[in-house]
Amino acid sequence: MNYPLKLSFKLLALASQIYIRDSSGNLIGYVKQKLLKIKEDINVFADEQQTRHLFNIKADRVIDLSARYNFTDSAGRAIGAIKRKGMRSIFKANYEIFDGTGVQVMQIHEENGWIKVMDSLVGELPVIGMFTGYFFNPSYIVERTNGTAVARLKKQAAFFEGVFELESLSQLSEDEETRVLLSVLTMTLLERSRG
């Protein structure tokens, strides 16, 4: 993959639509999340017309804080999974990433939890709250279980859309790159629903 990757979605859209582009601006993935799904079942396509299916992200249970989101490729082969670690927290987001066999291989955590706290507090203020997405931009580190950082996801300043940049910090295999991308995509959707 040509890093950094950009994940962008419109904040005012009813159904989440995420565009994944490489450093040259080429579309490498498109997600249109269905409205009012009780059990998450997200498809990732290579194009906006949704003609070439790449991956599926599916929750293992109905609306649950401890749901595990399993990743499969277009042939149904297990690639990995992501699961929120511990209880939902206003301070810091923590997720565990698993390989196709169910072994934890990585984790994601927020670099600075205070940004989320400030975003939550200021976001409740009339008028001023509309601009929190421009000033409070969290970043997340993806690490191997031994603590080696492999990628960073950082929210970019933007009005009326969410833009995240994923940069590589270490050499990754193709399977690891896919697993990291699907994990940060899922986490972004989950954190967006939290506010």
C-alpha atoms as a PDB file:
ATOM      1  CA  MET A   1       0.000   0.000   0.000  1.00  0.00           C
ATOM      2  CA  ASN A   2       1.156   3.524  -0.732  1.00  0.00           C
ATOM      3  CA  TYR A   3       1.113   5.340   2.608  1.00  0.00           C
ATOM      4  CA  PRO A   4      -0.204   7.522   4.029  1.00  0.00           C
ATOM      5  CA  LEU A   5      -3.753   6.293   3.470  1.00  0.00           C
ATOM      6  CA  LYS A   6      -6.705   8.641   3.909  1.00  0.00           C
ATOM      7  CA  LEU A   7     -10.058   7.536   5.305  1.00  0.00           C
ATOM      8  CA  SER A   8     -12.762  10.164   4.780  1.00  0.00           C
ATOM      9  CA  PHE A   9     -16.495  10.360   5.410  1.00  0.00           C
ATOM     10  CA  LYS A  10     -19.136  13.064   5.456  1.00  0.00           C
ATOM     11  CA  LEU A  11     -20.382  13.942   8.939  1.00  0.00           C
ATOM     12  CA  LEU A  12     -23.878  14.882   7.778  1.00  0.00           C
ATOM     13  CA  ALA A  13     -24.597  11.713   5.779  1.00  0.00           C
ATOM     14  CA  LEU A  14     -27.350   9.425   7.101  1.00  0.00           C
ATOM     15  CA  ALA A  15     -25.483   6.217   6.302  1.00  0.00           C
ATOM     16  CA  SER A  16     -21.720   6.216   6.819  1.00  0.00           C
ATOM     17  CA  GLN A  17     -19.810   6.233   3.556  1.00  0.00           C
ATOM     18  CA  ILE A  18     -16.079   5.917   3.899  1.00  0.00           C
ATOM     19  CA  TYR A  19     -13.590   6.422   1.094  1.00  0.00           C
ATOM     20  CA  ILE A  20     -10.119   4.929   1.491  1.00  0.00           C
ATOM     21  CA  ARG A  21      -7.465   6.494  -0.747  1.00  0.00           C
ATOM     22  CA  ASP A  22      -3.737   5.906  -1.077  1.00  0.00           C
ATOM     23  CA  SER A  23      -1.083   8.658  -1.100  1.00  0.00           C
ATOM     24  CA  SER A  24      -1.702   9.262  -4.839  1.00  0.00           C
ATOM     25  CA  GLY A  25      -5.416   9.815  -4.261  1.00  0.00           C
ATOM     26  CA  ASN A  26      -6.452   6.502  -5.845  1.00  0.00           C
ATOM     27  CA  LEU A  27      -9.553   4.893  -4.342  1.00  0.00           C
ATOM     28  CA  ILE A  28      -8.538   1.557  -2.808  1.00  0.00           C
ATOM     29  CA  GLY A  29     -11.662   0.934  -0.718  1.00  0.00           C
ATOM     30  CA  TYR A  30     -15.256   2.082  -0.294  1.00  0.00           C
ATOM     31  CA  VAL A  31     -17.680   1.327   2.530  1.00  0.00           C
ATOM     32  CA  LYS A  32     -21.364   2.173   2.723  1.00  0.00           C
ATOM     33  CA  GLN A  33     -22.692   1.202   6.129  1.00  0.00           C
ATOM     34  CA  LYS A  34     -26.344   0.188   6.173  1.00  0.00           C
ATOM     35  CA  LEU A  35     -28.750   2.138   8.369  1.00  0.00           C
ATOM     36  CA  LEU A  36     -30.407   0.635  11.445  1.00  0.00           C
ATOM     37  CA  LYS A  37     -28.537  -2.650  11.467  1.00  0.00           C
ATOM     38  CA  ILE A  38     -28.983  -4.535  14.734  1.00  0.00           C
ATOM     39  CA  LYS A  39     -25.931  -6.680  14.030  1.00  0.00           C
ATOM     40  CA  GLU A  40     -23.095  -4.973  12.159  1.00  0.00           C
ATOM     41  CA  ASP A  41     -22.333  -6.475   8.763  1.00  0.00           C
ATOM     42  CA  ILE A  42     -20.096  -4.153   6.742  1.00  0.00           C
ATOM     43  CA  ASN A  43     -18.821  -4.778   3.226  1.00  0.00           C
ATOM     44  CA  VAL A  44     -15.685  -3.164   1.818  1.00  0.00           C
ATOM     45  CA  PHE A  45     -15.592  -2.716  -1.954  1.00  0.00           C
ATOM     46  CA  ALA A  46     -12.824  -1.703  -4.368  1.00  0.00           C
ATOM     47  CA  ASP A  47     -15.073   0.867  -6.069  1.00  0.00           C
ATOM     48  CA  GLU A  48     -17.928   3.240  -5.288  1.00  0.00           C
ATOM     49  CA  GLN A  49     -20.261   1.313  -7.630  1.00  0.00           C
ATOM     50  CA  GLN A  50     -19.798  -1.703  -5.302  1.00  0.00           C
ATOM     51  CA  THR A  51     -18.982  -4.086  -8.144  1.00  0.00           C
ATOM     52  CA  ARG A  52     -15.858  -5.686  -6.637  1.00  0.00           C
ATOM     53  CA  HIS A  53     -16.246  -7.011  -3.089  1.00  0.00           C
ATOM     54  CA  LEU A  54     -12.978  -7.080  -1.114  1.00  0.00           C
ATOM     55  CA  PHE A  55     -13.743  -7.729   2.570  1.00  0.00           C
ATOM     56  CA  ASN A  56     -16.506  -8.247   5.102  1.00  0.00           C
ATOM     57  CA  ILE A  57     -16.564  -7.031   8.713  1.00  0.00           C
ATOM     58  CA  LYS A  58     -19.175  -8.781  10.825  1.00  0.00           C
ATOM     59  CA  ALA A  59     -20.022  -8.533  14.524  1.00  0.00           C
ATOM     60  CA  ASP A  60     -20.291 -11.827  16.363  1.00  0.00           C
ATOM     61  CA  ARG A  61     -23.300 -10.650  18.378  1.00  0.00           C
ATOM     62  CA  VAL A  62     -26.110  -8.131  18.380  1.00  0.00           C
ATOM     63  CA  ILE A  63     -25.303  -4.632  19.714  1.00  0.00           C
ATOM     64  CA  ASP A  64     -22.889  -5.387  22.522  1.00  0.00           C
ATOM     65  CA  LEU A  65     -19.975  -3.480  24.012  1.00  0.00           C
ATOM     66  CA  SER A  66     -17.831  -6.613  23.960  1.00  0.00           C
ATOM     67  CA  ALA A  67     -18.678  -7.651  20.398  1.00  0.00           C
ATOM     68  CA  ARG A  68     -15.881  -9.046  18.290  1.00  0.00           C
ATOM     69  CA  TYR A  69     -15.768  -7.854  14.677  1.00  0.00           C
ATOM     70  CA  ASN A  70     -14.477 -10.604  12.373  1.00  0.00           C
ATOM     71  CA  PHE A  71     -12.768  -9.860   9.050  1.00  0.00           C
ATOM     72  CA  THR A  72     -13.056 -12.132   6.012  1.00  0.00           C
ATOM     73  CA  ASP A  73     -11.918 -11.697   2.428  1.00  0.00           C
ATOM     74  CA  SER A  74     -14.210 -12.023  -0.609  1.00  0.00           C
ATOM     75  CA  ALA A  75     -13.739 -15.817  -0.568  1.00  0.00           C
ATOM     76  CA  GLY A  76     -14.811 -16.043   3.094  1.00  0.00           C
ATOM     77  CA  ARG A  77     -11.292 -16.732   4.425  1.00  0.00           C
ATOM     78  CA  ALA A  78     -10.758 -15.469   8.007  1.00  0.00           C
ATOM     79  CA  ILE A  79      -8.243 -12.605   8.078  1.00  0.00           C
ATOM     80  CA  GLY A  80      -8.568 -11.465  11.666  1.00  0.00           C
ATOM     81  CA  ALA A  81     -10.760  -9.587  14.114  1.00  0.00           C
ATOM     82  CA  ILE A  82     -10.910  -6.590  16.422  1.00  0.00           C
ATOM     83  CA  LYS A  83     -12.490  -6.265  19.857  1.00  0.00           C
ATOM     84  CA  ARG A  84     -12.756  -3.373  22.296  1.00  0.00           C
ATOM     85  CA  LYS A  85     -10.561  -4.018  25.325  1.00  0.00           C
ATOM     86  CA  GLY A  86     -12.347  -3.485  28.628  1.00  0.00           C
ATOM     87  CA  MET A  87     -15.325  -1.253  29.243  1.00  0.00           C
ATOM     88  CA  ARG A  88     -16.165   1.708  27.067  1.00  0.00           C
ATOM     89  CA  SER A  89     -14.211   4.677  28.361  1.00  0.00           C
ATOM     90  CA  ILE A  90     -14.642   8.419  27.978  1.00  0.00           C
ATOM     91  CA  PHE A  91     -10.887   8.748  28.510  1.00  0.00           C
ATOM     92  CA  LYS A  92      -9.063   6.346  26.177  1.00  0.00           C
ATOM     93  CA  ALA A  93      -9.992   3.897  23.443  1.00  0.00           C
ATOM     94  CA  ASN A  94      -8.287   0.471  23.568  1.00  0.00           C
ATOM     95  CA  TYR A  95      -8.770  -2.356  21.070  1.00  0.00           C
ATOM     96  CA  GLU A  96      -7.224  -5.784  20.558  1.00  0.00           C
ATOM     97  CA  ILE A  97      -6.427  -7.091  17.048  1.00  0.00           C
ATOM     98  CA  PHE A  98      -6.439 -10.825  16.318  1.00  0.00           C
ATOM     99  CA  ASP A  99      -5.099 -12.849  13.396  1.00  0.00           C
ATOM    100  CA  GLY A 100      -7.167 -15.321  11.348  1.00  0.00           C
ATOM    101  CA  THR A 101      -6.667 -18.063  13.955  1.00  0.00           C
ATOM    102  CA  GLY A 102      -7.889 -15.937  16.886  1.00  0.00           C
ATOM    103  CA  VAL A 103      -4.491 -15.126  18.428  1.00  0.00           C
ATOM    104  CA  GLN A 104      -3.981 -11.521  19.566  1.00  0.00           C
ATOM    105  CA  VAL A 105      -1.207 -10.017  17.443  1.00  0.00           C
ATOM    106  CA  MET A 106      -1.657  -6.247  17.883  1.00  0.00           C
ATOM    107  CA  GLN A 107      -3.504  -3.581  19.812  1.00  0.00           C
ATOM    108  CA  ILE A 108      -4.710  -0.037  19.218  1.00  0.00           C
ATOM    109  CA  HIS A 109      -4.771   2.669  21.847  1.00  0.00           C
ATOM    110  CA  GLU A 110      -5.393   6.366  21.875  1.00  0.00           C
ATOM    111  CA  GLU A 111      -2.230   8.415  22.274  1.00  0.00           C
ATOM    112  CA  ASN A 112      -3.743  11.225  24.357  1.00  0.00           C
ATOM    113  CA  GLY A 113      -7.000  10.559  26.193  1.00  0.00           C
ATOM    114  CA  TRP A 114      -7.399  14.209  27.211  1.00  0.00           C
ATOM    115  CA  ILE A 115      -8.202  15.171  23.621  1.00  0.00           C
ATOM    116  CA  LYS A 116     -11.285  12.929  23.727  1.00  0.00           C
ATOM    117  CA  VAL A 117     -12.342  14.400  27.107  1.00  0.00           C
ATOM    118  CA  MET A 118     -12.014  17.974  25.785  1.00  0.00           C
ATOM    119  CA  ASP A 119     -13.829  17.055  22.573  1.00  0.00           C
ATOM    120  CA  SER A 120     -16.701  15.528  24.590  1.00  0.00           C
ATOM    121  CA  LEU A 121     -16.986  18.520  26.931  1.00  0.00           C
ATOM    122  CA  VAL A 122     -16.648  21.303  24.361  1.00  0.00           C
ATOM    123  CA  GLY A 123     -18.819  19.393  21.865  1.00  0.00           C
ATOM    124  CA  GLU A 124     -21.824  19.883  24.141  1.00  0.00           C
ATOM    125  CA  LEU A 125     -21.585  23.696  23.980  1.00  0.00           C
ATOM    126  CA  PRO A 126     -23.992  25.461  21.595  1.00  0.00           C
ATOM    127  CA  VAL A 127     -22.381  26.784  18.375  1.00  0.00           C
ATOM    128  CA  ILE A 128     -18.817  26.236  19.646  1.00  0.00           C
ATOM    129  CA  GLY A 129     -19.447  22.474  19.699  1.00  0.00           C
ATOM    130  CA  MET A 130     -19.779  22.500  15.891  1.00  0.00           C
ATOM    131  CA  PHE A 131     -16.075  23.290  15.578  1.00  0.00           C
ATOM    132  CA  THR A 132     -14.596  20.629  17.868  1.00  0.00           C
ATOM    133  CA  GLY A 133     -13.752  18.433  14.869  1.00  0.00           C
ATOM    134  CA  TYR A 134     -11.398  21.129  13.660  1.00  0.00           C
ATOM    135  CA  PHE A 135      -9.506  21.664  16.916  1.00  0.00           C
ATOM    136  CA  PHE A 136      -9.567  18.321  18.765  1.00  0.00           C
ATOM    137  CA  ASN A 137      -7.944  15.639  16.648  1.00  0.00           C
ATOM    138  CA  PRO A 138      -7.164  12.354  18.385  1.00  0.00           C
ATOM    139  CA  SER A 139      -4.478   9.964  17.218  1.00  0.00           C
ATOM    140  CA  TYR A 140      -4.219   6.228  17.722  1.00  0.00           C
ATOM    141  CA  ILE A 141      -1.171   3.948  17.767  1.00  0.00           C
ATOM    142  CA  VAL A 142      -1.275   0.405  16.398  1.00  0.00           C
ATOM    143  CA  GLU A 143       1.298  -1.785  18.158  1.00  0.00           C
ATOM    144  CA  ARG A 144       2.398  -5.373  18.101  1.00  0.00           C
ATOM    145  CA  THR A 145       1.841  -7.189  21.411  1.00  0.00           C
ATOM    146  CA  ASN A 146       5.545  -6.598  22.230  1.00  0.00           C
ATOM    147  CA  GLY A 147       4.969  -2.817  22.119  1.00  0.00           C
ATOM    148  CA  THR A 148       6.519  -2.109  18.686  1.00  0.00           C
ATOM    149  CA  ALA A 149       4.535   0.651  16.965  1.00  0.00           C
ATOM    150  CA  VAL A 150       3.537  -0.320  13.412  1.00  0.00           C
ATOM    151  CA  ALA A 151       1.064   2.419  12.384  1.00  0.00           C
ATOM    152  CA  ARG A 152      -0.553   5.668  13.512  1.00  0.00           C
ATOM    153  CA  LEU A 153      -4.074   6.839  12.703  1.00  0.00           C
ATOM    154  CA  LYS A 154      -4.577  10.578  13.159  1.00  0.00           C
ATOM    155  CA  LYS A 155      -7.730  12.581  12.690  1.00  0.00           C
ATOM    156  CA  GLN A 156      -7.150  15.580  10.436  1.00  0.00           C
ATOM    157  CA  ALA A 157      -8.687  19.015  10.919  1.00  0.00           C
ATOM    158  CA  ALA A 158     -11.782  19.281   8.693  1.00  0.00           C
ATOM    159  CA  PHE A 159     -15.243  20.846   8.641  1.00  0.00           C
ATOM    160  CA  PHE A 160     -18.342  18.769   7.806  1.00  0.00           C
ATOM    161  CA  GLU A 161     -16.375  15.582   7.163  1.00  0.00           C
ATOM    162  CA  GLY A 162     -14.178  13.204   9.106  1.00  0.00           C
ATOM    163  CA  VAL A 163     -10.715  12.707   7.646  1.00  0.00           C
ATOM    164  CA  PHE A 164      -8.204  10.276   9.120  1.00  0.00           C
ATOM    165  CA  GLU A 165      -4.662   9.606   7.943  1.00  0.00           C
ATOM    166  CA  LEU A 166      -3.045   6.214   8.431  1.00  0.00           C
ATOM    167  CA  GLU A 167       0.749   6.199   8.300  1.00  0.00           C
ATOM    168  CA  SER A 168       3.032   3.211   8.437  1.00  0.00           C
ATOM    169  CA  LEU A 169       5.678   3.209  11.190  1.00  0.00           C
ATOM    170  CA  SER A 170       7.146  -0.232  10.524  1.00  0.00           C
ATOM    171  CA  GLN A 171       7.438  -2.871   7.815  1.00  0.00           C
ATOM    172  CA  LEU A 172       4.259  -4.983   7.560  1.00  0.00           C
ATOM    173  CA  SER A 173       3.360  -8.054   5.540  1.00  0.00           C
ATOM    174  CA  GLU A 174       0.415  -7.817   3.130  1.00  0.00           C
ATOM    175  CA  ASP A 175      -1.839  -9.718   5.581  1.00  0.00           C
ATOM    176  CA  GLU A 176      -0.782  -7.414   8.427  1.00  0.00           C
ATOM    177  CA  GLU A 177      -1.462  -4.315   6.321  1.00  0.00           C
ATOM    178  CA  THR A 178      -4.951  -5.606   5.519  1.00  0.00           C
ATOM    179  CA  ARG A 179      -5.613  -6.489   9.161  1.00  0.00           C
ATOM    180  CA  VAL A 180      -4.434  -3.048  10.354  1.00  0.00           C
ATOM    181  CA  LEU A 181      -6.524  -1.229   7.733  1.00  0.00           C
ATOM    182  CA  LEU A 182      -9.698  -3.195   8.555  1.00  0.00           C
ATOM    183  CA  SER A 183      -9.061  -2.689  12.281  1.00  0.00           C
ATOM    184  CA  VAL A 184      -8.683   1.088  12.096  1.00  0.00           C
ATOM    185  CA  LEU A 185     -11.675   1.275   9.756  1.00  0.00           C
ATOM    186  CA  THR A 186     -13.830  -0.664  12.241  1.00  0.00           C
ATOM    187  CA  MET A 187     -12.516   1.339  15.183  1.00  0.00           C
ATOM    188  CA  THR A 188     -13.253   4.606  13.352  1.00  0.00           C
ATOM    189  CA  LEU A 189     -16.866   3.522  12.767  1.00  0.00           C
ATOM    190  CA  LEU A 190     -17.255   2.438  16.409  1.00  0.00           C
ATOM    191  CA  GLU A 191     -15.651   5.581  17.845  1.00  0.00           C
ATOM    192  CA  ARG A 192     -17.724   7.768  15.517  1.00  0.00           C
ATOM    193  CA  SER A 193     -20.902   6.196  16.894  1.00  0.00           C
ATOM    194  CA  ARG A 194     -19.693   7.056  20.409  1.00  0.00           C
ATOM    195  CA  GLY A 195     -19.421  10.728  19.517  1.00  0.00           C
END
